[in-house]
Structures are given as structure tokens and as C-alpha cells.
Amino acid sequence: MKIDWTIYTPFQQRVLKLIQHIPRGQVWTYKQVAARLGNPKLARAVGGALKINRHAPEVPCHRVVASNGLGGYSALGGLKTKRKLLIKEGYFSINNNQKSK
């Protein structure tokens, strides 16, 4: 899939391009993404950028989670889809509820 980056602001582009480097089966928190962008206080702004991601799951916003659980997921199916994608990628098993809050 060819991604039209021009539909995003420069900040959104930075966020979405960065999360493409999260390896399959791993997650980063919103704060970790913000820190990699140079300012951990931008965690909410990172969430806002992920919320408008029109290229999920090719741009894997499902691999970004809250510090205390899964966080949100605005793509089709919401958190149920996010959980399924993470299970499929091996991040956690169906029986490991600790990570799936």
C-alpha cells in the first residue's frame, strides 16, 4: 500500500513514520514514542496523531499502548481489534490478562 503522507501534518508524519519501526510482537508506550520524538510530554499529542491514522494496520498504531494498559484504538473494531492484532503478532497470549488490560 502506498501511503499518502501529505494528508498528515508534519508532526503526525513524524509520529506515524516512527511507529513503523516498532518490531512485530513488541509495543511502545505513547510516552516512549514521544520521548523518541524528543519530548516525553507530548504523549497526548502522539495519541492524537495515532487517532487519525488512516493506514492502520499497515502503519501499526496498534503497537502503541498506554503505560497502564492497551490505551485506545480508533480503527475498525476498536480495542477488540487492537487486542486481536497484538495476539496475532505474539505480544501476549489470550491467557495472559496482565498485559491485556
Protein backbone atom coordinates (compact mmCIF):
# COMPACT_ATOMS: atom_id res chain seq x y z
CA MET A 1 0.00 0.00 0.00
CA LYS A 2 1.31 3.41 -0.96
CA ILE A 3 0.91 5.91 1.85
CA ASP A 4 -0.05 9.48 1.04
CA TRP A 5 1.86 11.32 3.75
CA THR A 6 0.61 14.71 2.55
CA ILE A 7 -2.73 14.16 4.31
CA TYR A 8 -0.96 14.45 7.66
CA THR A 9 0.61 17.42 9.45
CA PRO A 10 4.42 17.35 9.82
CA PHE A 11 4.07 16.21 13.46
CA GLN A 12 1.63 13.45 12.53
CA GLN A 13 4.00 12.31 9.80
CA ARG A 14 6.88 12.11 12.29
CA VAL A 15 4.78 10.02 14.68
CA LEU A 16 3.41 7.66 12.04
CA LYS A 17 6.77 7.18 10.32
CA LEU A 18 8.43 6.48 13.68
CA ILE A 19 5.95 3.81 14.76
CA GLN A 20 6.63 1.90 11.56
CA HIS A 21 9.91 0.93 13.27
CA ILE A 22 8.22 -0.86 16.18
CA PRO A 23 9.03 -4.54 15.59
CA ARG A 24 6.21 -7.03 15.21
CA GLY A 25 5.31 -8.52 18.59
CA GLN A 26 6.59 -5.51 20.53
CA VAL A 27 4.92 -2.36 21.81
CA TRP A 28 5.99 1.12 22.84
CA THR A 29 4.01 3.38 25.14
CA TYR A 30 2.72 6.75 23.99
CA LYS A 31 5.33 8.31 26.28
CA GLN A 32 8.14 6.24 24.72
CA VAL A 33 7.10 7.37 21.24
CA ALA A 34 7.01 10.98 22.47
CA ALA A 35 10.44 10.61 24.05
CA ARG A 36 11.87 9.24 20.81
CA LEU A 37 10.48 12.35 19.14
CA GLY A 38 12.38 14.44 21.67
CA ASN A 39 9.76 15.33 24.28
CA PRO A 40 8.08 12.75 26.56
CA LYS A 41 5.46 15.38 27.49
CA LEU A 42 3.95 15.02 24.01
CA ALA A 43 2.36 11.64 24.82
CA ARG A 44 -1.19 13.00 24.40
CA ALA A 45 -0.25 14.60 21.09
CA VAL A 46 1.14 11.23 19.97
CA GLY A 47 -2.23 9.67 20.84
CA GLY A 48 -3.96 12.34 18.79
CA ALA A 49 -1.74 11.63 15.80
CA LEU A 50 -2.42 7.91 16.07
CA LYS A 51 -6.15 8.53 16.32
CA ILE A 52 -6.25 9.91 12.77
CA ASN A 53 -4.05 7.17 11.26
CA ARG A 54 -5.87 6.22 8.04
CA HIS A 55 -3.37 3.50 7.19
CA ALA A 56 -3.86 1.04 10.04
CA PRO A 57 -2.69 -1.67 10.38
CA GLU A 58 0.00 -1.02 7.73
CA VAL A 59 1.13 1.87 9.90
CA PRO A 60 0.97 -0.16 13.13
CA CYS A 61 -0.61 2.19 15.67
CA HIS A 62 -1.89 -0.92 17.46
CA ARG A 63 1.69 -1.38 18.71
CA VAL A 64 1.45 1.77 20.82
CA VAL A 65 -0.11 1.29 24.24
CA ALA A 66 -0.79 3.25 27.41
CA SER A 67 1.53 2.82 30.38
CA ASN A 68 -1.27 1.14 32.31
CA GLY A 69 -2.95 -0.97 29.61
CA LEU A 70 -3.84 -1.04 25.95
CA GLY A 71 -4.92 2.57 25.60
CA GLY A 72 -7.22 3.36 22.71
CA TYR A 73 -7.67 2.23 19.14
CA SER A 74 -9.78 4.16 16.67
CA ALA A 75 -9.52 1.79 13.72
CA LEU A 76 -12.40 -0.50 12.80
CA GLY A 77 -13.29 -2.76 15.72
CA GLY A 78 -11.66 -0.60 18.39
CA LEU A 79 -9.82 -2.24 21.28
CA LYS A 80 -11.11 -5.68 20.33
CA THR A 81 -9.22 -5.38 17.03
CA LYS A 82 -6.11 -3.97 18.73
CA ARG A 83 -6.06 -6.92 21.14
CA LYS A 84 -6.53 -9.41 18.28
CA LEU A 85 -3.69 -7.85 16.26
CA LEU A 86 -1.34 -7.97 19.26
CA ILE A 87 -2.27 -11.58 19.98
CA LYS A 88 -1.68 -12.47 16.33
CA GLU A 89 1.74 -10.82 16.48
CA GLY A 90 2.61 -12.75 19.65
CA TYR A 91 2.72 -9.81 22.05
CA PHE A 92 0.58 -11.61 24.59
CA SER A 93 -1.41 -14.78 24.71
CA ILE A 94 -5.14 -14.97 25.25
CA ASN A 95 -4.45 -16.35 28.75
CA ASN A 96 -2.09 -13.53 29.75
CA ASN A 97 -4.57 -10.94 31.00
CA GLN A 98 -1.94 -8.94 32.82
CA LYS A 99 -0.73 -7.27 29.61
CA SER A 100 -4.16 -7.03 28.03
CA LYS A 101 -5.77 -4.56 30.44
